[in-house]
């Protein structure tokens, strides 16, 4: 089996397809343990490649906001921090549309569930710490996609955006924007 896989690699034109087929057959025949560990490693730069793919997915509509637009969002939200959560929610939603924060990947963005699905085994403080740790690793695109997901899902789940403002989730995302602007 592995001889066929190695042979496929040297074919040239359609070697990638043949190699992929032999790889799948080898996996089915030998099982995961029978495949060399180096072949099972995660793709190098996976996060960067997936961010780039999301950015390039729809070149006509997908646009990352400029530093000045992100800074403007942070400033607008700082301006209403003392106001009610309702007011903050309205300012956030309108500013995200106006400043081009909204992304076409919105509801399809898989990482939204990582910070939105509460783990019942965690206390509220531990949940907030876990959310903060995840958000601290996000790129600019991740933050924009999360805000997009929150704003769009609020149409179907009443008060979702309000709850995200009240719980501090939006503040964590804005904090991450501020960190990304400094770098």
C-alpha atoms as a PDB file:
ATOM      1  CA  UNK A   1       0.000   0.000   0.000  1.00  0.00           C
ATOM      2  CA  UNK A   2       2.699   2.511   0.987  1.00  0.00           C
ATOM      3  CA  UNK A   3       4.669   1.622  -2.161  1.00  0.00           C
ATOM      4  CA  UNK A   4       1.661   2.737  -4.210  1.00  0.00           C
ATOM      5  CA  UNK A   5       1.436   5.936  -2.183  1.00  0.00           C
ATOM      6  CA  UNK A   6       5.103   6.733  -2.791  1.00  0.00           C
ATOM      7  CA  UNK A   7       4.717   5.841  -6.456  1.00  0.00           C
ATOM      8  CA  UNK A   8       1.781   8.243  -6.721  1.00  0.00           C
ATOM      9  CA  UNK A   9       3.889  11.061  -5.332  1.00  0.00           C
ATOM     10  CA  UNK A  10       6.321  10.754  -8.227  1.00  0.00           C
ATOM     11  CA  UNK A  11       3.712  10.745 -10.999  1.00  0.00           C
ATOM     12  CA  UNK A  12       3.618  14.441 -11.738  1.00  0.00           C
ATOM     13  CA  UNK A  13       0.422  15.838 -13.286  1.00  0.00           C
ATOM     14  CA  UNK A  14      -2.296  14.269 -11.182  1.00  0.00           C
ATOM     15  CA  UNK A  15      -0.081  12.949  -8.418  1.00  0.00           C
ATOM     16  CA  UNK A  16      -1.911  14.868  -5.696  1.00  0.00           C
ATOM     17  CA  UNK A  17      -5.208  13.138  -6.452  1.00  0.00           C
ATOM     18  CA  UNK A  18      -3.635   9.687  -6.670  1.00  0.00           C
ATOM     19  CA  UNK A  19      -1.626  10.343  -3.497  1.00  0.00           C
ATOM     20  CA  UNK A  20      -4.777  11.437  -1.677  1.00  0.00           C
ATOM     21  CA  UNK A  21      -6.592   8.276  -2.764  1.00  0.00           C
ATOM     22  CA  UNK A  22      -3.718   6.061  -1.655  1.00  0.00           C
ATOM     23  CA  UNK A  23      -3.553   7.962   1.620  1.00  0.00           C
ATOM     24  CA  UNK A  24      -7.247   7.358   2.246  1.00  0.00           C
ATOM     25  CA  UNK A  25      -6.905   3.678   1.351  1.00  0.00           C
ATOM     26  CA  UNK A  26      -3.880   3.314   3.634  1.00  0.00           C
ATOM     27  CA  UNK A  27      -5.828   4.943   6.456  1.00  0.00           C
ATOM     28  CA  UNK A  28      -8.753   2.597   5.924  1.00  0.00           C
ATOM     29  CA  UNK A  29      -6.524  -0.476   5.683  1.00  0.00           C
ATOM     30  CA  UNK A  30      -3.996   0.204   8.462  1.00  0.00           C
ATOM     31  CA  UNK A  31      -6.081   2.444  10.719  1.00  0.00           C
ATOM     32  CA  UNK A  32      -4.887   5.710  12.219  1.00  0.00           C
ATOM     33  CA  UNK A  33      -2.133   4.015  14.235  1.00  0.00           C
ATOM     34  CA  UNK A  34      -0.679   2.479  11.080  1.00  0.00           C
ATOM     35  CA  UNK A  35      -0.137   5.866   9.444  1.00  0.00           C
ATOM     36  CA  UNK A  36       3.152   7.612  10.302  1.00  0.00           C
ATOM     37  CA  UNK A  37       2.619  10.376  12.868  1.00  0.00           C
ATOM     38  CA  UNK A  38       4.177  13.026  10.630  1.00  0.00           C
ATOM     39  CA  UNK A  39       1.488  12.341   8.027  1.00  0.00           C
ATOM     40  CA  UNK A  40      -1.239  12.934  10.605  1.00  0.00           C
ATOM     41  CA  UNK A  41       0.074  16.258  11.880  1.00  0.00           C
ATOM     42  CA  UNK A  42      -2.096  19.284  11.579  1.00  0.00           C
ATOM     43  CA  UNK A  43      -1.479  21.540   8.616  1.00  0.00           C
ATOM     44  CA  UNK A  44       1.230  24.108   9.330  1.00  0.00           C
ATOM     45  CA  UNK A  45      -0.100  27.660   9.634  1.00  0.00           C
ATOM     46  CA  UNK A  46      -3.665  26.337   9.659  1.00  0.00           C
ATOM     47  CA  UNK A  47      -5.079  29.423  11.411  1.00  0.00           C
ATOM     48  CA  UNK A  48      -3.347  31.843   9.035  1.00  0.00           C
ATOM     49  CA  UNK A  49      -4.455  29.845   6.003  1.00  0.00           C
ATOM     50  CA  UNK A  50      -8.074  29.666   7.192  1.00  0.00           C
ATOM     51  CA  UNK A  51      -8.106  33.419   7.927  1.00  0.00           C
ATOM     52  CA  UNK A  52      -6.737  34.089   4.450  1.00  0.00           C
ATOM     53  CA  UNK A  53      -9.323  31.750   2.917  1.00  0.00           C
ATOM     54  CA  UNK A  54     -12.151  33.536   4.737  1.00  0.00           C
ATOM     55  CA  UNK A  55     -10.796  36.883   3.599  1.00  0.00           C
ATOM     56  CA  UNK A  56     -10.465  35.759  -0.015  1.00  0.00           C
ATOM     57  CA  UNK A  57     -13.732  33.781  -0.043  1.00  0.00           C
ATOM     58  CA  UNK A  58     -15.757  36.633  -1.410  1.00  0.00           C
ATOM     59  CA  UNK A  59     -13.362  39.314  -2.595  1.00  0.00           C
ATOM     60  CA  UNK A  60     -16.220  41.579  -3.705  1.00  0.00           C
ATOM     61  CA  UNK A  61     -17.877  41.876  -0.306  1.00  0.00           C
ATOM     62  CA  UNK A  62     -15.364  40.689   2.306  1.00  0.00           C
ATOM     63  CA  UNK A  63     -13.300  43.601   3.537  1.00  0.00           C
ATOM     64  CA  UNK A  64     -11.464  43.942   6.785  1.00  0.00           C
ATOM     65  CA  UNK A  65     -11.978  47.315   8.422  1.00  0.00           C
ATOM     66  CA  UNK A  66      -9.073  49.730   8.569  1.00  0.00           C
ATOM     67  CA  UNK A  67      -7.388  50.713  11.835  1.00  0.00           C
ATOM     68  CA  UNK A  68      -9.218  54.042  11.859  1.00  0.00           C
ATOM     69  CA  UNK A  69     -12.601  52.285  11.551  1.00  0.00           C
ATOM     70  CA  UNK A  70     -11.823  49.896  14.402  1.00  0.00           C
ATOM     71  CA  UNK A  71     -10.573  52.779  16.521  1.00  0.00           C
ATOM     72  CA  UNK A  72     -13.790  54.669  15.766  1.00  0.00           C
ATOM     73  CA  UNK A  73     -15.874  51.690  16.924  1.00  0.00           C
ATOM     74  CA  UNK A  74     -13.916  51.483  20.180  1.00  0.00           C
ATOM     75  CA  UNK A  75     -14.289  55.251  20.720  1.00  0.00           C
ATOM     76  CA  UNK A  76     -18.047  55.165  20.054  1.00  0.00           C
ATOM     77  CA  UNK A  77     -18.519  52.315  22.498  1.00  0.00           C
ATOM     78  CA  UNK A  78     -16.384  54.045  25.135  1.00  0.00           C
ATOM     79  CA  UNK A  79     -18.651  57.057  24.709  1.00  0.00           C
ATOM     80  CA  UNK A  80     -21.729  55.082  25.755  1.00  0.00           C
ATOM     81  CA  UNK A  81     -20.172  52.822  28.397  1.00  0.00           C
ATOM     82  CA  UNK A  82     -22.032  54.664  31.180  1.00  0.00           C
ATOM     83  CA  UNK A  83     -25.367  54.403  29.364  1.00  0.00           C
ATOM     84  CA  UNK A  84     -27.851  51.526  29.470  1.00  0.00           C
ATOM     85  CA  UNK A  85     -27.156  48.187  27.803  1.00  0.00           C
ATOM     86  CA  UNK A  86     -30.009  48.968  25.398  1.00  0.00           C
ATOM     87  CA  UNK A  87     -28.262  52.149  24.265  1.00  0.00           C
ATOM     88  CA  UNK A  88     -24.922  50.349  23.968  1.00  0.00           C
ATOM     89  CA  UNK A  89     -26.574  47.635  21.868  1.00  0.00           C
ATOM     90  CA  UNK A  90     -28.071  50.198  19.486  1.00  0.00           C
ATOM     91  CA  UNK A  91     -24.779  52.071  19.117  1.00  0.00           C
ATOM     92  CA  UNK A  92     -22.843  48.834  18.564  1.00  0.00           C
ATOM     93  CA  UNK A  93     -25.155  47.491  15.863  1.00  0.00           C
ATOM     94  CA  UNK A  94     -25.389  50.748  13.923  1.00  0.00           C
ATOM     95  CA  UNK A  95     -21.647  51.436  14.206  1.00  0.00           C
ATOM     96  CA  UNK A  96     -20.741  47.940  12.995  1.00  0.00           C
ATOM     97  CA  UNK A  97     -22.831  48.412   9.862  1.00  0.00           C
ATOM     98  CA  UNK A  98     -21.714  51.996   9.304  1.00  0.00           C
ATOM     99  CA  UNK A  99     -17.990  51.319   9.804  1.00  0.00           C
ATOM    100  CA  UNK A 100     -17.827  48.145   7.697  1.00  0.00           C
ATOM    101  CA  UNK A 101     -17.206  45.748  10.581  1.00  0.00           C
ATOM    102  CA  UNK A 102     -19.881  43.302   9.361  1.00  0.00           C
ATOM    103  CA  UNK A 103     -18.523  40.285   7.471  1.00  0.00           C
ATOM    104  CA  UNK A 104     -20.283  38.024   4.942  1.00  0.00           C
ATOM    105  CA  UNK A 105     -19.251  34.916   6.921  1.00  0.00           C
ATOM    106  CA  UNK A 106     -21.357  35.962   9.921  1.00  0.00           C
ATOM    107  CA  UNK A 107     -23.693  33.106  10.804  1.00  0.00           C
ATOM    108  CA  UNK A 108     -21.425  30.452   9.278  1.00  0.00           C
ATOM    109  CA  UNK A 109     -18.489  31.365  11.508  1.00  0.00           C
ATOM    110  CA  UNK A 110     -17.763  28.260  13.625  1.00  0.00           C
ATOM    111  CA  UNK A 111     -15.813  29.911  16.458  1.00  0.00           C
ATOM    112  CA  UNK A 112     -18.881  31.785  17.690  1.00  0.00           C
ATOM    113  CA  UNK A 113     -20.043  28.753  19.628  1.00  0.00           C
ATOM    114  CA  UNK A 114     -16.710  28.553  21.476  1.00  0.00           C
ATOM    115  CA  UNK A 115     -17.419  31.730  23.443  1.00  0.00           C
ATOM    116  CA  UNK A 116     -21.213  31.700  23.378  1.00  0.00           C
ATOM    117  CA  UNK A 117     -21.959  28.178  24.627  1.00  0.00           C
ATOM    118  CA  UNK A 118     -21.722  28.311  28.418  1.00  0.00           C
ATOM    119  CA  UNK A 119     -20.103  25.306  30.055  1.00  0.00           C
ATOM    120  CA  UNK A 120     -22.265  24.222  32.962  1.00  0.00           C
ATOM    121  CA  UNK A 121     -19.250  22.967  34.901  1.00  0.00           C
ATOM    122  CA  UNK A 122     -17.745  26.465  35.123  1.00  0.00           C
ATOM    123  CA  UNK A 123     -18.632  29.265  37.496  1.00  0.00           C
ATOM    124  CA  UNK A 124     -19.497  32.611  35.880  1.00  0.00           C
ATOM    125  CA  UNK A 125     -16.013  33.920  36.739  1.00  0.00           C
ATOM    126  CA  UNK A 126     -14.364  30.844  35.208  1.00  0.00           C
ATOM    127  CA  UNK A 127     -16.586  31.162  32.134  1.00  0.00           C
ATOM    128  CA  UNK A 128     -15.525  34.788  31.694  1.00  0.00           C
ATOM    129  CA  UNK A 129     -11.875  33.825  32.102  1.00  0.00           C
ATOM    130  CA  UNK A 130     -12.245  31.045  29.507  1.00  0.00           C
ATOM    131  CA  UNK A 131     -13.929  33.449  27.064  1.00  0.00           C
ATOM    132  CA  UNK A 132     -11.200  36.011  27.628  1.00  0.00           C
ATOM    133  CA  UNK A 133      -8.473  33.428  26.975  1.00  0.00           C
ATOM    134  CA  UNK A 134     -10.077  32.409  23.671  1.00  0.00           C
ATOM    135  CA  UNK A 135     -10.672  35.996  22.542  1.00  0.00           C
ATOM    136  CA  UNK A 136      -7.055  36.898  23.370  1.00  0.00           C
ATOM    137  CA  UNK A 137      -5.957  34.602  20.525  1.00  0.00           C
ATOM    138  CA  UNK A 138      -8.317  36.056  17.922  1.00  0.00           C
ATOM    139  CA  UNK A 139      -7.326  37.944  14.818  1.00  0.00           C
ATOM    140  CA  UNK A 140      -9.033  41.079  13.551  1.00  0.00           C
ATOM    141  CA  UNK A 141     -11.153  38.908  11.261  1.00  0.00           C
ATOM    142  CA  UNK A 142     -12.219  36.675  14.165  1.00  0.00           C
ATOM    143  CA  UNK A 143     -13.391  39.697  16.169  1.00  0.00           C
ATOM    144  CA  UNK A 144     -15.301  41.116  13.203  1.00  0.00           C
ATOM    145  CA  UNK A 145     -16.934  37.735  12.535  1.00  0.00           C
ATOM    146  CA  UNK A 146     -17.977  37.397  16.177  1.00  0.00           C
ATOM    147  CA  UNK A 147     -19.605  40.836  16.208  1.00  0.00           C
ATOM    148  CA  UNK A 148     -21.289  39.998  12.904  1.00  0.00           C
ATOM    149  CA  UNK A 149     -22.587  36.711  14.319  1.00  0.00           C
ATOM    150  CA  UNK A 150     -23.911  38.418  17.461  1.00  0.00           C
ATOM    151  CA  UNK A 151     -25.685  41.176  15.552  1.00  0.00           C
ATOM    152  CA  UNK A 152     -27.225  38.837  12.979  1.00  0.00           C
ATOM    153  CA  UNK A 153     -28.224  36.145  15.486  1.00  0.00           C
ATOM    154  CA  UNK A 154     -29.930  38.793  17.615  1.00  0.00           C
ATOM    155  CA  UNK A 155     -32.676  38.858  14.968  1.00  0.00           C
ATOM    156  CA  UNK A 156     -33.524  35.233  15.777  1.00  0.00           C
ATOM    157  CA  UNK A 157     -32.621  35.110  19.477  1.00  0.00           C
ATOM    158  CA  UNK A 158     -34.181  38.026  21.315  1.00  0.00           C
ATOM    159  CA  UNK A 159     -31.775  39.963  23.517  1.00  0.00           C
ATOM    160  CA  UNK A 160     -28.691  37.995  22.444  1.00  0.00           C
ATOM    161  CA  UNK A 161     -26.753  41.170  21.680  1.00  0.00           C
ATOM    162  CA  UNK A 162     -28.057  42.804  24.861  1.00  0.00           C
ATOM    163  CA  UNK A 163     -26.862  39.785  26.875  1.00  0.00           C
ATOM    164  CA  UNK A 164     -23.463  39.912  25.150  1.00  0.00           C
ATOM    165  CA  UNK A 165     -23.103  43.585  26.121  1.00  0.00           C
ATOM    166  CA  UNK A 166     -24.305  42.959  29.672  1.00  0.00           C
ATOM    167  CA  UNK A 167     -22.067  39.907  30.217  1.00  0.00           C
ATOM    168  CA  UNK A 168     -18.945  41.746  29.080  1.00  0.00           C
ATOM    169  CA  UNK A 169     -18.405  39.670  25.929  1.00  0.00           C
ATOM    170  CA  UNK A 170     -18.588  42.733  23.685  1.00  0.00           C
ATOM    171  CA  UNK A 171     -16.188  44.589  25.992  1.00  0.00           C
ATOM    172  CA  UNK A 172     -13.701  41.702  25.660  1.00  0.00           C
ATOM    173  CA  UNK A 173     -13.943  41.855  21.867  1.00  0.00           C
ATOM    174  CA  UNK A 174     -13.439  45.632  21.893  1.00  0.00           C
ATOM    175  CA  UNK A 175     -10.468  45.140  24.235  1.00  0.00           C
ATOM    176  CA  UNK A 176      -8.986  42.695  21.708  1.00  0.00           C
ATOM    177  CA  UNK A 177      -9.506  45.246  18.931  1.00  0.00           C
ATOM    178  CA  UNK A 178      -7.594  47.769  21.042  1.00  0.00           C
ATOM    179  CA  UNK A 179      -4.736  45.293  21.491  1.00  0.00           C
ATOM    180  CA  UNK A 180      -4.623  44.572  17.765  1.00  0.00           C
ATOM    181  CA  UNK A 181      -4.547  48.290  16.975  1.00  0.00           C
ATOM    182  CA  UNK A 182      -1.493  48.824  19.190  1.00  0.00           C
ATOM    183  CA  UNK A 183       0.537  46.047  17.559  1.00  0.00           C
END
